[in-house]
Amino acid sequence: MDKVMQETKLDTLTIVAQDLADLLSGASVAMDKGKEAISRLGSVYLSASGGKVVAKASDRYRLIVGESELAGESVLGECQIRANDVKNILATIKANKVARDITLTRVGDSLSVAIGGTSLSVYLGGDTFPPYEHLLAGESVPVAGISFNATYMADFGKVPCSHKGGQLVVEFMGDRKPIKVAIPHNKITWTALLMPMRVI
């Protein structure tokens, strides 16, 4: 009996509505929004464990990871939420003007999102987010010069930030290495990476 109950145990995340909106909208800045985008790159990956919730996305040229503390013991295995579903969740949060908690429940490849009186069903992708922690390691170093995509850097200003008008803290990790960007937020620890461009 205990084994059957364990196998059917649901992954559930309960989170403040505005925190979920900030995490999804912030991470989605780095997902591939092109018409020909492959599912793996055109998604936000959401997970929760150990009292923390993490949202992340990358289009190969940028990476954004947002991490926030959670009240309670929510556990949610990594969920690949595609661009259209991210958009629908954010629109529903805005339409409901929710100030209370949102509950996300995962059963297999399906994610139920309860927002106020509305429940959304999301079919999750089957990809997993690649390891990225090694890209964040290392100390900042002085560089003589570095080339980067100005539009991509400016997009980081769209990530929810605790400073009115936005603020970016930039670190250079070395020649031809990713540029590390911190984005201040009062509840979310944002870390972003931007790949440098080759000077032609």
C-alpha atoms as a PDB file:
ATOM      1  CA  MET A   1       0.000   0.000   0.000  1.00  0.00           C
ATOM      2  CA  ASP A   2       2.787   2.450   0.953  1.00  0.00           C
ATOM      3  CA  LYS A   3       4.583   1.714  -2.329  1.00  0.00           C
ATOM      4  CA  VAL A   4       1.454   2.478  -4.364  1.00  0.00           C
ATOM      5  CA  MET A   5       0.945   5.778  -2.488  1.00  0.00           C
ATOM      6  CA  GLN A   6       4.583   6.752  -3.068  1.00  0.00           C
ATOM      7  CA  GLU A   7       4.340   6.055  -6.797  1.00  0.00           C
ATOM      8  CA  THR A   8       1.215   8.221  -7.139  1.00  0.00           C
ATOM      9  CA  LYS A   9       2.485  11.064  -4.925  1.00  0.00           C
ATOM     10  CA  LEU A  10       2.040  14.419  -6.663  1.00  0.00           C
ATOM     11  CA  ASP A  11       4.651  17.133  -7.103  1.00  0.00           C
ATOM     12  CA  THR A  12       3.135  20.365  -5.820  1.00  0.00           C
ATOM     13  CA  LEU A  13       4.412  23.946  -5.658  1.00  0.00           C
ATOM     14  CA  THR A  14       2.576  26.683  -3.783  1.00  0.00           C
ATOM     15  CA  ILE A  15       3.910  30.165  -4.493  1.00  0.00           C
ATOM     16  CA  VAL A  16       2.860  33.811  -4.238  1.00  0.00           C
ATOM     17  CA  ALA A  17       1.321  34.931  -7.532  1.00  0.00           C
ATOM     18  CA  GLN A  18       3.636  37.902  -8.075  1.00  0.00           C
ATOM     19  CA  ASP A  19       6.709  35.780  -7.359  1.00  0.00           C
ATOM     20  CA  LEU A  20       5.670  33.247 -10.007  1.00  0.00           C
ATOM     21  CA  ALA A  21       4.922  36.042 -12.477  1.00  0.00           C
ATOM     22  CA  ASP A  22       8.353  37.603 -11.891  1.00  0.00           C
ATOM     23  CA  LEU A  23      10.164  34.273 -12.195  1.00  0.00           C
ATOM     24  CA  LEU A  24       8.432  33.248 -15.425  1.00  0.00           C
ATOM     25  CA  SER A  25       8.571  36.658 -17.093  1.00  0.00           C
ATOM     26  CA  GLY A  26      12.196  37.207 -16.084  1.00  0.00           C
ATOM     27  CA  ALA A  27      13.492  33.818 -17.207  1.00  0.00           C
ATOM     28  CA  SER A  28      11.504  34.010 -20.453  1.00  0.00           C
ATOM     29  CA  VAL A  29      13.643  36.959 -21.561  1.00  0.00           C
ATOM     30  CA  ALA A  30      16.377  34.438 -22.410  1.00  0.00           C
ATOM     31  CA  MET A  31      14.263  31.834 -24.197  1.00  0.00           C
ATOM     32  CA  ASP A  32      14.293  31.577 -27.982  1.00  0.00           C
ATOM     33  CA  LYS A  33      11.196  33.352 -29.321  1.00  0.00           C
ATOM     34  CA  GLY A  34      11.885  32.807 -33.009  1.00  0.00           C
ATOM     35  CA  LYS A  35       9.274  31.164 -35.232  1.00  0.00           C
ATOM     36  CA  GLU A  36      11.643  28.284 -35.930  1.00  0.00           C
ATOM     37  CA  ALA A  37      12.744  27.882 -32.300  1.00  0.00           C
ATOM     38  CA  ILE A  38      13.146  24.310 -31.120  1.00  0.00           C
ATOM     39  CA  SER A  39      11.142  23.338 -28.041  1.00  0.00           C
ATOM     40  CA  ARG A  40      14.214  22.872 -25.825  1.00  0.00           C
ATOM     41  CA  LEU A  41      15.286  26.497 -26.293  1.00  0.00           C
ATOM     42  CA  GLY A  42      11.818  28.054 -26.478  1.00  0.00           C
ATOM     43  CA  SER A  43      10.850  27.141 -22.918  1.00  0.00           C
ATOM     44  CA  VAL A  44      11.197  28.116 -19.275  1.00  0.00           C
ATOM     45  CA  TYR A  45      12.254  25.373 -16.851  1.00  0.00           C
ATOM     46  CA  LEU A  46      10.660  25.593 -13.392  1.00  0.00           C
ATOM     47  CA  SER A  47      11.498  23.468 -10.348  1.00  0.00           C
ATOM     48  CA  ALA A  48      11.306  23.575  -6.556  1.00  0.00           C
ATOM     49  CA  SER A  49      13.066  21.718  -3.739  1.00  0.00           C
ATOM     50  CA  GLY A  50      14.860  22.393  -0.475  1.00  0.00           C
ATOM     51  CA  GLY A  51      12.860  25.521   0.229  1.00  0.00           C
ATOM     52  CA  LYS A  52      13.799  27.176  -3.082  1.00  0.00           C
ATOM     53  CA  VAL A  53      12.139  27.660  -6.462  1.00  0.00           C
ATOM     54  CA  VAL A  54      14.197  28.082  -9.633  1.00  0.00           C
ATOM     55  CA  ALA A  55      13.238  29.326 -13.110  1.00  0.00           C
ATOM     56  CA  LYS A  56      15.724  29.257 -15.979  1.00  0.00           C
ATOM     57  CA  ALA A  57      15.933  29.574 -19.746  1.00  0.00           C
ATOM     58  CA  SER A  58      18.541  29.879 -22.483  1.00  0.00           C
ATOM     59  CA  ASP A  59      18.596  30.470 -26.227  1.00  0.00           C
ATOM     60  CA  ARG A  60      22.308  29.443 -26.449  1.00  0.00           C
ATOM     61  CA  TYR A  61      23.427  33.094 -26.537  1.00  0.00           C
ATOM     62  CA  ARG A  62      21.900  34.096 -23.192  1.00  0.00           C
ATOM     63  CA  LEU A  63      21.149  32.349 -19.930  1.00  0.00           C
ATOM     64  CA  ILE A  64      18.926  33.597 -17.118  1.00  0.00           C
ATOM     65  CA  VAL A  65      18.483  31.818 -13.776  1.00  0.00           C
ATOM     66  CA  GLY A  66      16.159  33.143 -11.072  1.00  0.00           C
ATOM     67  CA  GLU A  67      16.089  31.621  -7.581  1.00  0.00           C
ATOM     68  CA  SER A  68      13.761  32.510  -4.712  1.00  0.00           C
ATOM     69  CA  GLU A  69      13.136  31.263  -1.179  1.00  0.00           C
ATOM     70  CA  LEU A  70       9.905  29.383  -0.532  1.00  0.00           C
ATOM     71  CA  ALA A  71       7.752  29.113   2.555  1.00  0.00           C
ATOM     72  CA  GLY A  72       6.805  25.506   3.227  1.00  0.00           C
ATOM     73  CA  GLU A  73       8.074  22.245   1.782  1.00  0.00           C
ATOM     74  CA  SER A  74       7.009  22.417  -1.859  1.00  0.00           C
ATOM     75  CA  VAL A  75       8.640  19.926  -4.222  1.00  0.00           C
ATOM     76  CA  LEU A  76       8.310  20.209  -7.989  1.00  0.00           C
ATOM     77  CA  GLY A  77      10.453  18.240 -10.392  1.00  0.00           C
ATOM     78  CA  GLU A  78      11.857  20.208 -13.328  1.00  0.00           C
ATOM     79  CA  CYS A  79       9.008  21.266 -15.643  1.00  0.00           C
ATOM     80  CA  GLN A  80       9.664  22.370 -19.212  1.00  0.00           C
ATOM     81  CA  ILE A  81       7.002  25.018 -19.861  1.00  0.00           C
ATOM     82  CA  ARG A  82       6.813  26.073 -23.509  1.00  0.00           C
ATOM     83  CA  ALA A  83       6.574  29.697 -24.610  1.00  0.00           C
ATOM     84  CA  ASN A  84       2.827  29.707 -25.358  1.00  0.00           C
ATOM     85  CA  ASP A  85       2.041  28.169 -21.982  1.00  0.00           C
ATOM     86  CA  VAL A  86       4.275  30.679 -20.188  1.00  0.00           C
ATOM     87  CA  LYS A  87       2.372  33.437 -21.961  1.00  0.00           C
ATOM     88  CA  ASN A  88      -1.011  31.937 -20.978  1.00  0.00           C
ATOM     89  CA  ILE A  89      -0.018  31.555 -17.319  1.00  0.00           C
ATOM     90  CA  LEU A  90       1.192  35.160 -17.128  1.00  0.00           C
ATOM     91  CA  ALA A  91      -1.941  36.462 -18.872  1.00  0.00           C
ATOM     92  CA  THR A  92      -4.182  34.527 -16.469  1.00  0.00           C
ATOM     93  CA  ILE A  93      -2.331  35.880 -13.431  1.00  0.00           C
ATOM     94  CA  LYS A  94      -2.762  39.415 -14.770  1.00  0.00           C
ATOM     95  CA  ALA A  95      -6.438  38.923 -15.646  1.00  0.00           C
ATOM     96  CA  ASN A  96      -7.296  37.484 -12.231  1.00  0.00           C
ATOM     97  CA  LYS A  97      -5.375  40.198 -10.366  1.00  0.00           C
ATOM     98  CA  VAL A  98      -4.359  37.477  -7.959  1.00  0.00           C
ATOM     99  CA  ALA A  99      -2.794  38.558  -4.681  1.00  0.00           C
ATOM    100  CA  ARG A 100      -2.885  35.097  -3.080  1.00  0.00           C
ATOM    101  CA  ASP A 101      -0.955  31.908  -3.602  1.00  0.00           C
ATOM    102  CA  ILE A 102      -0.936  29.889  -6.805  1.00  0.00           C
ATOM    103  CA  THR A 103      -0.707  26.091  -6.724  1.00  0.00           C
ATOM    104  CA  LEU A 104       1.041  24.087  -9.426  1.00  0.00           C
ATOM    105  CA  THR A 105       0.540  20.324  -9.403  1.00  0.00           C
ATOM    106  CA  ARG A 106       2.420  17.934 -11.656  1.00  0.00           C
ATOM    107  CA  VAL A 107       1.222  14.470 -12.634  1.00  0.00           C
ATOM    108  CA  GLY A 108       3.531  12.837 -15.158  1.00  0.00           C
ATOM    109  CA  ASP A 109       3.803  15.112 -18.183  1.00  0.00           C
ATOM    110  CA  SER A 110       0.859  17.299 -17.160  1.00  0.00           C
ATOM    111  CA  LEU A 111       0.987  20.431 -14.994  1.00  0.00           C
ATOM    112  CA  SER A 112      -2.152  21.900 -13.434  1.00  0.00           C
ATOM    113  CA  VAL A 113      -1.932  25.589 -12.531  1.00  0.00           C
ATOM    114  CA  ALA A 114      -4.649  26.856 -10.162  1.00  0.00           C
ATOM    115  CA  ILE A 115      -4.936  30.655 -10.366  1.00  0.00           C
ATOM    116  CA  GLY A 116      -7.839  32.117  -8.443  1.00  0.00           C
ATOM    117  CA  GLY A 117     -10.946  30.468  -9.883  1.00  0.00           C
ATOM    118  CA  THR A 118      -9.137  29.412 -13.050  1.00  0.00           C
ATOM    119  CA  SER A 119      -7.281  26.160 -13.635  1.00  0.00           C
ATOM    120  CA  LEU A 120      -4.891  25.761 -16.559  1.00  0.00           C
ATOM    121  CA  SER A 121      -3.656  22.410 -17.852  1.00  0.00           C
ATOM    122  CA  VAL A 122      -0.175  22.467 -19.357  1.00  0.00           C
ATOM    123  CA  TYR A 123       1.378  19.606 -21.322  1.00  0.00           C
ATOM    124  CA  LEU A 124       5.063  19.647 -20.419  1.00  0.00           C
ATOM    125  CA  GLY A 125       7.973  19.116 -22.756  1.00  0.00           C
ATOM    126  CA  GLY A 126      10.314  16.192 -22.209  1.00  0.00           C
ATOM    127  CA  ASP A 127      13.661  17.977 -22.446  1.00  0.00           C
ATOM    128  CA  THR A 128      15.969  18.639 -19.510  1.00  0.00           C
ATOM    129  CA  PHE A 129      17.952  21.815 -18.940  1.00  0.00           C
ATOM    130  CA  PRO A 130      21.688  21.267 -19.577  1.00  0.00           C
ATOM    131  CA  PRO A 131      24.271  21.772 -16.808  1.00  0.00           C
ATOM    132  CA  TYR A 132      25.232  25.434 -16.508  1.00  0.00           C
ATOM    133  CA  GLU A 133      26.745  25.869 -13.036  1.00  0.00           C
ATOM    134  CA  HIS A 134      30.306  25.623 -14.372  1.00  0.00           C
ATOM    135  CA  LEU A 135      29.637  28.698 -16.519  1.00  0.00           C
ATOM    136  CA  LEU A 136      28.916  30.759 -13.407  1.00  0.00           C
ATOM    137  CA  ALA A 137      32.098  29.717 -11.603  1.00  0.00           C
ATOM    138  CA  GLY A 138      35.208  31.852 -11.537  1.00  0.00           C
ATOM    139  CA  GLU A 139      36.200  35.352 -10.516  1.00  0.00           C
ATOM    140  CA  SER A 140      35.808  38.524 -12.514  1.00  0.00           C
ATOM    141  CA  VAL A 141      38.963  39.714 -14.284  1.00  0.00           C
ATOM    142  CA  PRO A 142      39.930  42.881 -16.138  1.00  0.00           C
ATOM    143  CA  VAL A 143      39.644  42.693 -19.922  1.00  0.00           C
ATOM    144  CA  ALA A 144      41.010  45.057 -22.541  1.00  0.00           C
ATOM    145  CA  GLY A 145      37.787  44.982 -24.522  1.00  0.00           C
ATOM    146  CA  ILE A 146      34.905  42.712 -25.366  1.00  0.00           C
ATOM    147  CA  SER A 147      32.211  42.677 -28.052  1.00  0.00           C
ATOM    148  CA  PHE A 148      28.607  41.703 -27.327  1.00  0.00           C
ATOM    149  CA  ASN A 149      25.118  41.961 -28.793  1.00  0.00           C
ATOM    150  CA  ALA A 150      23.720  45.257 -27.485  1.00  0.00           C
ATOM    151  CA  THR A 151      20.095  44.198 -28.012  1.00  0.00           C
ATOM    152  CA  TYR A 152      20.572  41.048 -25.947  1.00  0.00           C
ATOM    153  CA  MET A 153      22.218  43.040 -23.159  1.00  0.00           C
ATOM    154  CA  ALA A 154      19.390  45.595 -23.236  1.00  0.00           C
ATOM    155  CA  ASP A 155      16.850  42.763 -22.952  1.00  0.00           C
ATOM    156  CA  PHE A 156      18.200  41.998 -19.473  1.00  0.00           C
ATOM    157  CA  GLY A 157      16.644  45.315 -18.471  1.00  0.00           C
ATOM    158  CA  LYS A 158      13.221  43.692 -18.980  1.00  0.00           C
ATOM    159  CA  VAL A 159      13.810  41.233 -16.129  1.00  0.00           C
ATOM    160  CA  PRO A 160      11.785  42.245 -13.034  1.00  0.00           C
ATOM    161  CA  CYS A 161      14.073  44.348 -10.856  1.00  0.00           C
ATOM    162  CA  SER A 162      13.847  46.034  -7.452  1.00  0.00           C
ATOM    163  CA  HIS A 163      15.305  49.271  -8.848  1.00  0.00           C
ATOM    164  CA  LYS A 164      12.978  51.632 -10.675  1.00  0.00           C
ATOM    165  CA  GLY A 165      14.224  51.997 -14.218  1.00  0.00           C
ATOM    166  CA  GLY A 166      16.283  48.812 -13.947  1.00  0.00           C
ATOM    167  CA  GLN A 167      19.863  48.125 -12.958  1.00  0.00           C
ATOM    168  CA  LEU A 168      22.467  45.682 -14.240  1.00  0.00           C
ATOM    169  CA  VAL A 169      25.700  44.698 -12.481  1.00  0.00           C
ATOM    170  CA  VAL A 170      28.180  43.353 -15.046  1.00  0.00           C
ATOM    171  CA  GLU A 171      31.225  41.141 -14.457  1.00  0.00           C
ATOM    172  CA  PHE A 172      33.763  40.097 -17.089  1.00  0.00           C
ATOM    173  CA  MET A 173      35.067  36.557 -16.689  1.00  0.00           C
ATOM    174  CA  GLY A 174      37.867  36.813 -19.254  1.00  0.00           C
ATOM    175  CA  ASP A 175      38.529  37.063 -22.986  1.00  0.00           C
ATOM    176  CA  ARG A 176      36.031  35.101 -25.103  1.00  0.00           C
ATOM    177  CA  LYS A 177      34.186  34.013 -21.945  1.00  0.00           C
ATOM    178  CA  PRO A 178      30.557  34.740 -21.038  1.00  0.00           C
ATOM    179  CA  ILE A 179      29.685  38.089 -19.480  1.00  0.00           C
ATOM    180  CA  LYS A 180      28.021  37.621 -16.089  1.00  0.00           C
ATOM    181  CA  VAL A 181      25.116  39.926 -15.227  1.00  0.00           C
ATOM    182  CA  ALA A 182      23.402  40.305 -11.846  1.00  0.00           C
ATOM    183  CA  ILE A 183      19.945  41.910 -11.694  1.00  0.00           C
ATOM    184  CA  PRO A 184      18.914  43.179  -8.226  1.00  0.00           C
ATOM    185  CA  HIS A 185      15.521  42.021  -6.917  1.00  0.00           C
ATOM    186  CA  ASN A 186      14.171  42.124  -3.384  1.00  0.00           C
ATOM    187  CA  LYS A 187      13.095  38.440  -3.395  1.00  0.00           C
ATOM    188  CA  ILE A 188      14.707  36.770  -6.422  1.00  0.00           C
ATOM    189  CA  THR A 189      18.412  36.167  -7.004  1.00  0.00           C
ATOM    190  CA  TRP A 190      18.869  36.719 -10.732  1.00  0.00           C
ATOM    191  CA  THR A 191      21.997  35.583 -12.560  1.00  0.00           C
ATOM    192  CA  ALA A 192      22.395  36.040 -16.297  1.00  0.00           C
ATOM    193  CA  LEU A 193      25.072  35.208 -18.839  1.00  0.00           C
ATOM    194  CA  LEU A 194      25.666  36.736 -22.256  1.00  0.00           C
ATOM    195  CA  MET A 195      27.993  35.104 -24.751  1.00  0.00           C
ATOM    196  CA  PRO A 196      30.557  37.468 -26.290  1.00  0.00           C
ATOM    197  CA  MET A 197      30.641  38.103 -30.030  1.00  0.00           C
ATOM    198  CA  ARG A 198      33.590  37.495 -32.271  1.00  0.00           C
ATOM    199  CA  VAL A 199      35.029  40.735 -33.634  1.00  0.00           C
ATOM    200  CA  ILE A 200      35.085  40.564 -37.440  1.00  0.00           C
END
